[in-house]
Amino acid sequence: MRRAVCPGSFDPIHNGHLEVIARAASLFDEVIVAVSTNYAKKYRFPLEERIEMARETLASLRGIVVEPVGEGLLAEYCRQRGVSAIVKGLRSSSDFDYELPMATMNRQLSGVETVFLPAEAHYLHLSSTLIKEVATLGGSVSEYVPRSVLKRLLAGAP
């Protein structure tokens, strides 16, 4: 079985994430959407809610599993689950510059390869940070996030 992981904090998951995950699902037998926590970041949604939003949103796609990454290195997480590839979406060359050293380190630590998928043009500007900011300031993000995410964003809006 060809298994890949799409890691991310998904705070919140948005349509750009979904597009990359769906494309990964067409390339691999199973895709683990691994929801992570970076303790240096401040999150709008707690881990459990980010996992719940991802599960709700991805329920109709075959071969998708959503779970927390937990503690430790992504490379070790991949080794423990028999993952052969990490799938990362790229919006720009700065994303590539940021991701390449991690991809190299993950390959050296565990042998896992990283597959880069370029984002669709209409998602190049999306980031969870931008979506949260626009929603908080009263702007419409309905075309960028799934309904269950929009409902949660609006519930927390001023």
C-alpha atoms as a PDB file:
ATOM      1  CA  MET A   1       0.000   0.000   0.000  1.00  0.00           C
ATOM      2  CA  ARG A   2       1.302   3.427  -0.929  1.00  0.00           C
ATOM      3  CA  ARG A   3       0.690   5.674   2.064  1.00  0.00           C
ATOM      4  CA  ALA A   4       1.366   9.412   2.268  1.00  0.00           C
ATOM      5  CA  VAL A   5       0.957  12.044   4.933  1.00  0.00           C
ATOM      6  CA  CYS A   6      -0.288  15.627   4.493  1.00  0.00           C
ATOM      7  CA  PRO A   7       0.848  17.378   7.664  1.00  0.00           C
ATOM      8  CA  GLY A   8      -0.290  20.763   8.862  1.00  0.00           C
ATOM      9  CA  SER A   9      -1.767  22.726  11.712  1.00  0.00           C
ATOM     10  CA  PHE A  10      -4.985  23.347   9.705  1.00  0.00           C
ATOM     11  CA  ASP A  11      -6.058  26.327  11.837  1.00  0.00           C
ATOM     12  CA  PRO A  12      -8.468  26.239  10.054  1.00  0.00           C
ATOM     13  CA  ILE A  13      -8.478  23.833   7.135  1.00  0.00           C
ATOM     14  CA  HIS A  14      -9.372  25.698   3.924  1.00  0.00           C
ATOM     15  CA  ASN A  15     -10.101  24.957   0.279  1.00  0.00           C
ATOM     16  CA  GLY A  16      -6.438  25.225  -0.707  1.00  0.00           C
ATOM     17  CA  HIS A  17      -5.636  22.437   1.763  1.00  0.00           C
ATOM     18  CA  LEU A  18      -8.557  20.378   0.488  1.00  0.00           C
ATOM     19  CA  GLU A  19      -7.433  20.693  -3.110  1.00  0.00           C
ATOM     20  CA  VAL A  20      -3.932  19.411  -2.293  1.00  0.00           C
ATOM     21  CA  ILE A  21      -5.293  16.588  -0.106  1.00  0.00           C
ATOM     22  CA  ALA A  22      -7.719  15.478  -2.837  1.00  0.00           C
ATOM     23  CA  ARG A  23      -4.896  15.427  -5.394  1.00  0.00           C
ATOM     24  CA  ALA A  24      -2.724  13.434  -2.986  1.00  0.00           C
ATOM     25  CA  ALA A  25      -5.592  10.960  -2.546  1.00  0.00           C
ATOM     26  CA  SER A  26      -5.562  10.360  -6.302  1.00  0.00           C
ATOM     27  CA  LEU A  27      -1.832   9.506  -6.157  1.00  0.00           C
ATOM     28  CA  PHE A  28      -1.709   7.313  -3.046  1.00  0.00           C
ATOM     29  CA  ASP A  29      -3.770   4.435  -1.648  1.00  0.00           C
ATOM     30  CA  GLU A  30      -4.088   6.155   1.715  1.00  0.00           C
ATOM     31  CA  VAL A  31      -3.459   9.729   2.821  1.00  0.00           C
ATOM     32  CA  ILE A  32      -3.086  10.561   6.485  1.00  0.00           C
ATOM     33  CA  VAL A  33      -4.027  14.151   7.225  1.00  0.00           C
ATOM     34  CA  ALA A  34      -1.757  14.664  10.220  1.00  0.00           C
ATOM     35  CA  VAL A  35      -2.884  17.606  12.333  1.00  0.00           C
ATOM     36  CA  SER A  36       0.036  19.098  14.211  1.00  0.00           C
ATOM     37  CA  THR A  37       0.620  21.509  17.035  1.00  0.00           C
ATOM     38  CA  ASN A  38       3.514  23.932  17.033  1.00  0.00           C
ATOM     39  CA  TYR A  39       3.796  25.178  20.598  1.00  0.00           C
ATOM     40  CA  ALA A  40       5.389  28.420  19.382  1.00  0.00           C
ATOM     41  CA  LYS A  41       2.125  29.304  17.582  1.00  0.00           C
ATOM     42  CA  LYS A  42      -1.083  30.661  19.032  1.00  0.00           C
ATOM     43  CA  TYR A  43      -4.088  28.789  17.640  1.00  0.00           C
ATOM     44  CA  ARG A  44      -7.641  30.007  17.171  1.00  0.00           C
ATOM     45  CA  PHE A  45      -9.005  26.460  17.349  1.00  0.00           C
ATOM     46  CA  PRO A  46      -7.816  23.778  19.777  1.00  0.00           C
ATOM     47  CA  LEU A  47      -6.310  20.578  18.353  1.00  0.00           C
ATOM     48  CA  GLU A  48      -9.464  18.518  18.897  1.00  0.00           C
ATOM     49  CA  GLU A  49     -11.582  21.021  16.967  1.00  0.00           C
ATOM     50  CA  ARG A  50      -9.053  21.242  14.118  1.00  0.00           C
ATOM     51  CA  ILE A  51      -9.168  17.438  13.846  1.00  0.00           C
ATOM     52  CA  GLU A  52     -12.976  17.482  13.929  1.00  0.00           C
ATOM     53  CA  MET A  53     -13.166  20.125  11.162  1.00  0.00           C
ATOM     54  CA  ALA A  54     -10.786  18.099   8.985  1.00  0.00           C
ATOM     55  CA  ARG A  55     -12.757  14.887   9.541  1.00  0.00           C
ATOM     56  CA  GLU A  56     -16.082  16.587   8.762  1.00  0.00           C
ATOM     57  CA  THR A  57     -14.684  18.187   5.638  1.00  0.00           C
ATOM     58  CA  LEU A  58     -12.880  15.118   4.293  1.00  0.00           C
ATOM     59  CA  ALA A  59     -15.495  12.479   5.185  1.00  0.00           C
ATOM     60  CA  SER A  60     -16.609  12.051   1.566  1.00  0.00           C
ATOM     61  CA  LEU A  61     -13.107  11.365   0.225  1.00  0.00           C
ATOM     62  CA  ARG A  62     -11.959   7.750   0.039  1.00  0.00           C
ATOM     63  CA  GLY A  63      -8.650   6.702   1.532  1.00  0.00           C
ATOM     64  CA  ILE A  64      -8.308   9.647   3.924  1.00  0.00           C
ATOM     65  CA  VAL A  65      -7.480   9.257   7.616  1.00  0.00           C
ATOM     66  CA  VAL A  66      -7.291  12.267   9.963  1.00  0.00           C
ATOM     67  CA  GLU A  67      -5.265  12.016  13.148  1.00  0.00           C
ATOM     68  CA  PRO A  68      -3.023  14.100  15.397  1.00  0.00           C
ATOM     69  CA  VAL A  69       0.721  13.988  14.812  1.00  0.00           C
ATOM     70  CA  GLY A  70       1.469  13.975  18.524  1.00  0.00           C
ATOM     71  CA  GLU A  71       4.884  14.675  19.981  1.00  0.00           C
ATOM     72  CA  GLY A  72       8.162  14.182  18.163  1.00  0.00           C
ATOM     73  CA  LEU A  73       9.522  14.400  14.665  1.00  0.00           C
ATOM     74  CA  LEU A  74       7.397  14.058  11.544  1.00  0.00           C
ATOM     75  CA  ALA A  75      10.057  11.701  10.139  1.00  0.00           C
ATOM     76  CA  GLU A  76       9.550   9.321  13.077  1.00  0.00           C
ATOM     77  CA  TYR A  77       5.767   9.591  12.759  1.00  0.00           C
ATOM     78  CA  CYS A  78       6.124   8.566   9.095  1.00  0.00           C
ATOM     79  CA  ARG A  79       8.414   5.659   9.930  1.00  0.00           C
ATOM     80  CA  GLN A  80       5.994   4.338  12.572  1.00  0.00           C
ATOM     81  CA  ARG A  81       3.073   4.398  10.132  1.00  0.00           C
ATOM     82  CA  GLY A  82       4.832   3.057   7.061  1.00  0.00           C
ATOM     83  CA  VAL A  83       4.472   6.313   5.181  1.00  0.00           C
ATOM     84  CA  SER A  84       6.501   6.559   1.985  1.00  0.00           C
ATOM     85  CA  ALA A  85       5.852  10.226   1.171  1.00  0.00           C
ATOM     86  CA  ILE A  86       5.055  13.570   2.729  1.00  0.00           C
ATOM     87  CA  VAL A  87       2.843  15.706   0.491  1.00  0.00           C
ATOM     88  CA  LYS A  88       3.188  19.478   0.734  1.00  0.00           C
ATOM     89  CA  GLY A  89       1.361  22.123  -1.257  1.00  0.00           C
ATOM     90  CA  LEU A  90       3.399  25.028  -2.574  1.00  0.00           C
ATOM     91  CA  ARG A  91       1.972  28.489  -3.241  1.00  0.00           C
ATOM     92  CA  SER A  92       5.195  30.291  -4.067  1.00  0.00           C
ATOM     93  CA  SER A  93       8.954  30.024  -4.266  1.00  0.00           C
ATOM     94  CA  SER A  94       9.173  31.165  -0.645  1.00  0.00           C
ATOM     95  CA  ASP A  95       7.141  28.080   0.352  1.00  0.00           C
ATOM     96  CA  PHE A  96       9.658  25.953  -1.556  1.00  0.00           C
ATOM     97  CA  ASP A  97      12.591  27.692   0.142  1.00  0.00           C
ATOM     98  CA  TYR A  98      11.004  27.001   3.524  1.00  0.00           C
ATOM     99  CA  GLU A  99      10.041  23.369   2.781  1.00  0.00           C
ATOM    100  CA  LEU A 100      13.156  22.124   0.977  1.00  0.00           C
ATOM    101  CA  PRO A 101      15.488  21.916   4.004  1.00  0.00           C
ATOM    102  CA  MET A 102      12.787  20.064   5.965  1.00  0.00           C
ATOM    103  CA  ALA A 103      12.244  17.668   3.057  1.00  0.00           C
ATOM    104  CA  THR A 104      15.948  16.928   2.901  1.00  0.00           C
ATOM    105  CA  MET A 105      16.177  16.388   6.656  1.00  0.00           C
ATOM    106  CA  ASN A 106      13.123  14.107   6.694  1.00  0.00           C
ATOM    107  CA  ARG A 107      14.616  12.012   3.887  1.00  0.00           C
ATOM    108  CA  GLN A 108      17.944  11.743   5.721  1.00  0.00           C
ATOM    109  CA  LEU A 109      16.288  10.855   9.039  1.00  0.00           C
ATOM    110  CA  SER A 110      13.812   8.272   7.807  1.00  0.00           C
ATOM    111  CA  GLY A 111      14.081   7.797   4.045  1.00  0.00           C
ATOM    112  CA  VAL A 112      10.654   9.357   3.505  1.00  0.00           C
ATOM    113  CA  GLU A 113      10.375  11.437   0.348  1.00  0.00           C
ATOM    114  CA  THR A 114       8.539  14.745   0.055  1.00  0.00           C
ATOM    115  CA  VAL A 115       6.246  15.337  -2.896  1.00  0.00           C
ATOM    116  CA  PHE A 116       5.532  18.969  -3.709  1.00  0.00           C
ATOM    117  CA  LEU A 117       2.226  19.817  -5.378  1.00  0.00           C
ATOM    118  CA  PRO A 118       1.825  23.322  -6.761  1.00  0.00           C
ATOM    119  CA  ALA A 119      -1.360  25.036  -5.615  1.00  0.00           C
ATOM    120  CA  GLU A 120      -4.070  25.837  -8.102  1.00  0.00           C
ATOM    121  CA  ALA A 121      -3.865  29.481  -9.211  1.00  0.00           C
ATOM    122  CA  HIS A 122      -7.081  30.517  -7.468  1.00  0.00           C
ATOM    123  CA  TYR A 123      -5.692  29.293  -4.116  1.00  0.00           C
ATOM    124  CA  LEU A 124      -2.227  30.859  -4.309  1.00  0.00           C
ATOM    125  CA  HIS A 125      -3.148  33.681  -1.944  1.00  0.00           C
ATOM    126  CA  LEU A 126      -4.811  31.523   0.717  1.00  0.00           C
ATOM    127  CA  SER A 127      -3.401  30.922   4.162  1.00  0.00           C
ATOM    128  CA  SER A 128      -5.134  30.029   7.398  1.00  0.00           C
ATOM    129  CA  THR A 129      -3.709  33.191   8.947  1.00  0.00           C
ATOM    130  CA  LEU A 130      -5.181  35.414   6.226  1.00  0.00           C
ATOM    131  CA  ILE A 131      -8.548  33.656   6.403  1.00  0.00           C
ATOM    132  CA  LYS A 132      -8.727  34.132  10.188  1.00  0.00           C
ATOM    133  CA  GLU A 133      -7.799  37.803   9.870  1.00  0.00           C
ATOM    134  CA  VAL A 134     -10.365  38.542   7.160  1.00  0.00           C
ATOM    135  CA  ALA A 135     -13.105  36.676   9.055  1.00  0.00           C
ATOM    136  CA  THR A 136     -12.256  38.447  12.323  1.00  0.00           C
ATOM    137  CA  LEU A 137     -12.490  41.836  10.619  1.00  0.00           C
ATOM    138  CA  GLY A 138     -15.898  41.023   9.115  1.00  0.00           C
ATOM    139  CA  GLY A 139     -14.853  40.091   5.585  1.00  0.00           C
ATOM    140  CA  SER A 140     -16.397  37.201   3.706  1.00  0.00           C
ATOM    141  CA  VAL A 141     -14.350  34.006   3.516  1.00  0.00           C
ATOM    142  CA  SER A 142     -17.235  31.758   2.440  1.00  0.00           C
ATOM    143  CA  GLU A 143     -15.638  30.900  -0.909  1.00  0.00           C
ATOM    144  CA  TYR A 144     -12.382  29.827   0.752  1.00  0.00           C
ATOM    145  CA  VAL A 145     -13.497  27.464   3.522  1.00  0.00           C
ATOM    146  CA  PRO A 146     -15.906  24.541   3.913  1.00  0.00           C
ATOM    147  CA  ARG A 147     -19.280  25.270   5.555  1.00  0.00           C
ATOM    148  CA  SER A 148     -18.417  23.634   8.875  1.00  0.00           C
ATOM    149  CA  VAL A 149     -15.311  25.818   9.124  1.00  0.00           C
ATOM    150  CA  LEU A 150     -17.218  28.962   8.126  1.00  0.00           C
ATOM    151  CA  LYS A 151     -19.788  28.314  10.854  1.00  0.00           C
ATOM    152  CA  ARG A 152     -17.037  28.063  13.462  1.00  0.00           C
ATOM    153  CA  LEU A 153     -15.242  31.171  12.171  1.00  0.00           C
ATOM    154  CA  LEU A 154     -18.448  33.194  12.266  1.00  0.00           C
ATOM    155  CA  ALA A 155     -19.286  31.943  15.752  1.00  0.00           C
ATOM    156  CA  GLY A 156     -16.035  33.459  16.993  1.00  0.00           C
ATOM    157  CA  ALA A 157     -16.298  36.702  14.997  1.00  0.00           C
ATOM    158  CA  PRO A 158     -17.047  39.998  16.732  1.00  0.00           C
END
